[in-house]
Amino acid sequence: MDLTRSGEKFYQRCKVIVKELDLAANDFIYDQKYPEGILKVSAPHAFIQTCFSDIISNFLIQYPNIEIDLLFSEKALGINEHKFDIILKIEEEVREENIFILNSYKRNFYATAAFLKKYGKPKSIEELRKHNIFLYSRTDLENKIINSTPQLICNNIEILLDLCKKNKGILYIPDFLAKKYEDEGVIINCSQDIFSTKLHFYATTPYGSKIPKKVQLFLNTLKQHFQSITEAL
């Protein structure tokens, strides 16, 4: 059957459309299999001193076409204002939508054995408040347990530990920062019998249910990492 001139034009245009659809489908499959692009992430400064570098390193090895733009900050950053793909937070209360809970921690008071031997182990919140308290983050001031001005707020665990080891006071820090030094016997949790606050470590994104592949892959990597830690305990 011979095509009319209009039919031939229609047929040729359909061929172009089908070809474009095939190319688009191939691009989609490739992007799903080999994701690429820049992934902009904000994380709490505390994670500089944890295994976070290992998470990033392993992710980049697995997905070499993805570039990570990583900012460590304690400030409350707007995810849309700063165009982040993922913001990681550690907070007592989760007030946002589109969140992914990754882990939970506790914030405790820690001191050296020598300090506790000299001054005695606090048996109440009131006794804890009598000592010099060193905080890791200014956000710790939001907790009602700290109702006096601390002598020092410093987001470097090494400096805090140095002061603690010199028996200058008691640390109020998340347990993931304290774990290594507690395991080594450098510091002791002196509040487990009377007080601890639960912290949520979570990720938030601006994408709702339509999460880009590179973002979902990074979230999956985080979930798998922290799940493996939980299972190992």
Foldseek 3Di string as FASTA:
>chain_A
DDDDPVRVVVVVVVVVVVVVVVVVVVVVVCCLVQPADEAEEEEAPLCVPDCVVVLVVVLCVVRVRYHYHYHHDPDDDDCVVVVHQKYKDKALDDDDPQKDFQDKWKWFKKAAPVLCVVVNQDPELVSQQVWAEEEADPVVVVDPSNPDDHPYHHVDVVVVLVCRLVSRTMYTGIVSSCVVVVVVRSMDGRPPVYDIGMMTIMMHGPPPPDRDSVSVVSVVSSNVVSVVVVVVD
